[in-house]
Amino acid sequence: TTHATTHETTHATTHATTHETTHETTHATTHATTHATTHETTHATTHATTHATTHESTH
């Protein structure tokens, strides 16, 4: 009984830890990707706008 209980507890803990780790990793990756995409989009838009404005002013 003691052995079985220990085994089940260990199994449950391992499962919960793995699940949480996977969840956190997924969340972190998604967050990082979203942040990077947003940053790049903002950067590209700003760059394009600046370039167009400069071009038009020069022209």
Foldseek 3Di string as FASTA:
>chain_A
DVVVVVVVVVVVVVVVVVVVVVVVVVVVVVVVVVVVVVVVVVVVVVVVVVVVVVVVVVD
